[in-house]
Structures are given as C-alpha cells and as structure tokens.
C-alpha atoms as a PDB file:
ATOM      1  CA  MET A   1       0.000   0.000   0.000  1.00  0.00           C
ATOM      2  CA  GLU A   2       2.785   2.452   0.908  1.00  0.00           C
ATOM      3  CA  SER A   3       4.506   1.760  -2.398  1.00  0.00           C
ATOM      4  CA  GLU A   4       1.274   2.577  -4.242  1.00  0.00           C
ATOM      5  CA  LEU A   5       1.057   5.879  -2.352  1.00  0.00           C
ATOM      6  CA  ASP A   6       4.671   6.704  -3.242  1.00  0.00           C
ATOM      7  CA  ASP A   7       3.948   5.880  -6.892  1.00  0.00           C
ATOM      8  CA  ALA A   8       0.831   8.075  -6.862  1.00  0.00           C
ATOM      9  CA  MET A   9       2.788  10.985  -5.419  1.00  0.00           C
ATOM     10  CA  THR A  10       5.477  10.563  -8.082  1.00  0.00           C
ATOM     11  CA  VAL A  11       2.828  10.749 -10.783  1.00  0.00           C
ATOM     12  CA  GLU A  12       1.015  13.656  -9.095  1.00  0.00           C
ATOM     13  CA  ALA A  13       4.142  15.727  -8.647  1.00  0.00           C
ATOM     14  CA  GLY A  14       5.692  16.396 -12.036  1.00  0.00           C
ATOM     15  CA  SER A  15       9.090  17.548 -10.819  1.00  0.00           C
ATOM     16  CA  THR A  16      11.470  17.361  -7.904  1.00  0.00           C
ATOM     17  CA  ASP A  17      10.488  20.946  -7.003  1.00  0.00           C
ATOM     18  CA  CYS A  18       6.811  19.975  -6.846  1.00  0.00           C
ATOM     19  CA  ARG A  19       7.516  16.872  -4.769  1.00  0.00           C
ATOM     20  CA  VAL A  20       9.547  18.917  -2.284  1.00  0.00           C
ATOM     21  CA  LEU A  21       6.843  21.592  -2.050  1.00  0.00           C
ATOM     22  CA  ILE A  22       4.086  19.011  -1.588  1.00  0.00           C
ATOM     23  CA  GLU A  23       6.038  17.200   1.137  1.00  0.00           C
ATOM     24  CA  ALA A  24       6.808  20.475   2.935  1.00  0.00           C
ATOM     25  CA  LYS A  25       3.129  21.475   2.828  1.00  0.00           C
ATOM     26  CA  ARG A  26       2.094  18.067   4.184  1.00  0.00           C
ATOM     27  CA  SER A  27       4.596  18.401   7.027  1.00  0.00           C
ATOM     28  CA  LEU A  28       3.190  21.813   7.933  1.00  0.00           C
ATOM     29  CA  GLU A  29      -0.355  20.408   7.814  1.00  0.00           C
ATOM     30  CA  ASP A  30       0.726  17.747  10.319  1.00  0.00           C
ATOM     31  CA  ALA A  31       2.342  20.356  12.579  1.00  0.00           C
ATOM     32  CA  LEU A  32      -0.752  22.568  12.421  1.00  0.00           C
ATOM     33  CA  ARG A  33      -2.975  19.616  13.310  1.00  0.00           C
ATOM     34  CA  ILE A  34      -0.797  18.660  16.283  1.00  0.00           C
ATOM     35  CA  LEU A  35      -0.508  22.246  17.537  1.00  0.00           C
ATOM     36  CA  SER A  36      -4.274  22.704  17.445  1.00  0.00           C
ATOM     37  CA  ASP A  37      -4.364  20.708  20.712  1.00  0.00           C
ATOM     38  CA  LEU A  38      -1.807  22.971  22.377  1.00  0.00           C
ATOM     39  CA  PRO A  39      -3.266  25.918  24.296  1.00  0.00           C
ATOM     40  CA  SER A  40      -1.922  29.368  23.449  1.00  0.00           C
ATOM     41  CA  SER A  41      -0.401  28.304  20.153  1.00  0.00           C
ATOM     42  CA  ASP A  42      -2.410  30.692  17.961  1.00  0.00           C
ATOM     43  CA  HIS A  43       0.553  32.918  17.101  1.00  0.00           C
ATOM     44  CA  LEU A  44       2.754  29.972  16.165  1.00  0.00           C
ATOM     45  CA  ARG A  45      -0.011  28.406  14.071  1.00  0.00           C
ATOM     46  CA  ARG A  46      -0.508  31.706  12.210  1.00  0.00           C
ATOM     47  CA  GLN A  47       3.219  31.808  11.434  1.00  0.00           C
ATOM     48  CA  LEU A  48       3.162  28.232  10.153  1.00  0.00           C
ATOM     49  CA  LEU A  49       0.084  29.003   8.079  1.00  0.00           C
ATOM     50  CA  ALA A  50       1.903  31.969   6.535  1.00  0.00           C
ATOM     51  CA  VAL A  51       4.801  29.682   5.578  1.00  0.00           C
ATOM     52  CA  TYR A  52       2.287  27.173   4.182  1.00  0.00           C
ATOM     53  CA  ASN A  53       0.735  29.913   2.046  1.00  0.00           C
ATOM     54  CA  GLN A  54       4.181  30.933   0.755  1.00  0.00           C
ATOM     55  CA  LEU A  55       4.855  27.325  -0.247  1.00  0.00           C
ATOM     56  CA  GLU A  56       1.459  27.173  -1.942  1.00  0.00           C
ATOM     57  CA  GLY A  57       2.323  30.328  -3.897  1.00  0.00           C
ATOM     58  CA  MET A  58       5.626  28.780  -4.990  1.00  0.00           C
ATOM     59  CA  HIS A  59       3.751  25.636  -6.022  1.00  0.00           C
ATOM     60  CA  ASP A  60       1.302  27.749  -8.042  1.00  0.00           C
ATOM     61  CA  LEU A  61       4.258  29.416  -9.801  1.00  0.00           C
ATOM     62  CA  LYS A  62       5.777  26.034 -10.600  1.00  0.00           C
ATOM     63  CA  ARG A  63       2.481  24.654 -11.920  1.00  0.00           C
ATOM     64  CA  ALA A  64       1.963  27.717 -14.102  1.00  0.00           C
ATOM     65  CA  GLY A  65       5.536  27.906 -15.378  1.00  0.00           C
ATOM     66  CA  GLY A  66       6.390  24.225 -15.584  1.00  0.00           C
ATOM     67  CA  ALA A  67       9.973  23.543 -16.617  1.00  0.00           C
ATOM     68  CA  GLY A  68      10.536  27.287 -17.053  1.00  0.00           C
ATOM     69  CA  VAL A  69      10.495  27.738 -13.264  1.00  0.00           C
ATOM     70  CA  SER A  70      13.149  26.164 -11.053  1.00  0.00           C
ATOM     71  CA  PHE A  71      13.782  26.596  -7.340  1.00  0.00           C
ATOM     72  CA  ARG A  72      17.184  24.871  -7.527  1.00  0.00           C
ATOM     73  CA  SER A  73      19.282  27.997  -6.864  1.00  0.00           C
ATOM     74  CA  SER A  74      19.256  30.677  -4.194  1.00  0.00           C
ATOM     75  CA  ALA A  75      18.394  33.259  -6.878  1.00  0.00           C
ATOM     76  CA  TRP A  76      15.448  31.365  -8.357  1.00  0.00           C
ATOM     77  CA  CYS A  77      13.137  33.069 -10.777  1.00  0.00           C
ATOM     78  CA  SER A  78      11.159  32.201 -13.863  1.00  0.00           C
ATOM     79  CA  LYS A  79      13.373  31.516 -16.867  1.00  0.00           C
ATOM     80  CA  THR A  80      10.567  32.850 -19.065  1.00  0.00           C
ATOM     81  CA  THR A  81      10.908  36.454 -17.846  1.00  0.00           C
ATOM     82  CA  ASP A  82      13.577  39.113 -18.014  1.00  0.00           C
ATOM     83  CA  VAL A  83      13.040  40.144 -14.386  1.00  0.00           C
ATOM     84  CA  GLN A  84      16.170  39.679 -12.305  1.00  0.00           C
ATOM     85  CA  PRO A  85      15.829  38.328  -8.745  1.00  0.00           C
ATOM     86  CA  GLY A  86      16.018  40.794  -5.887  1.00  0.00           C
END
C-alpha cells in the first residue's frame, strides 16, 4: 500500500520541485494539526500558516511555469521572464 502511495505521489508531482513543495506542505499540515491541541499556540499556528501559504504560492508558480520555473538555486526566478531576482 505504501509503495502505491509513493507511486501516486510521483505521478502527481511532475518535478522534484513539486515533490519537495508538496512534502513540505504536508509536514506543515501535520504540525498545524498537532498544535491545534496545544493551548496558546495561535501565534505559532498563524506563522506556520503563513509559511504554508508561501509554499502554496511557490507551487502555483511552478504549476503555471512548468519547466521554465526552477527553485534549484538561491536566486530562483522564472526563466521565461527578463526580471532579475532581488
């Protein structure tokens, strides 16, 4: 069963960047679920949700740009634009 899940994720995520983003989002979902039982964790959960939303935005960029977008360098940007990072 676990192998089937791994295979499904490989098919779902079209690139290494997407797989990393999906895994990071899943990890944050787990952390948010666990922290929901911890009193006075609202501020921390909001911070984690903000990070989750940033990852989702990066995933949206990757889905829209496909192979033209890579997060493999510290100065990542879309290869399809002339806009320089920073």
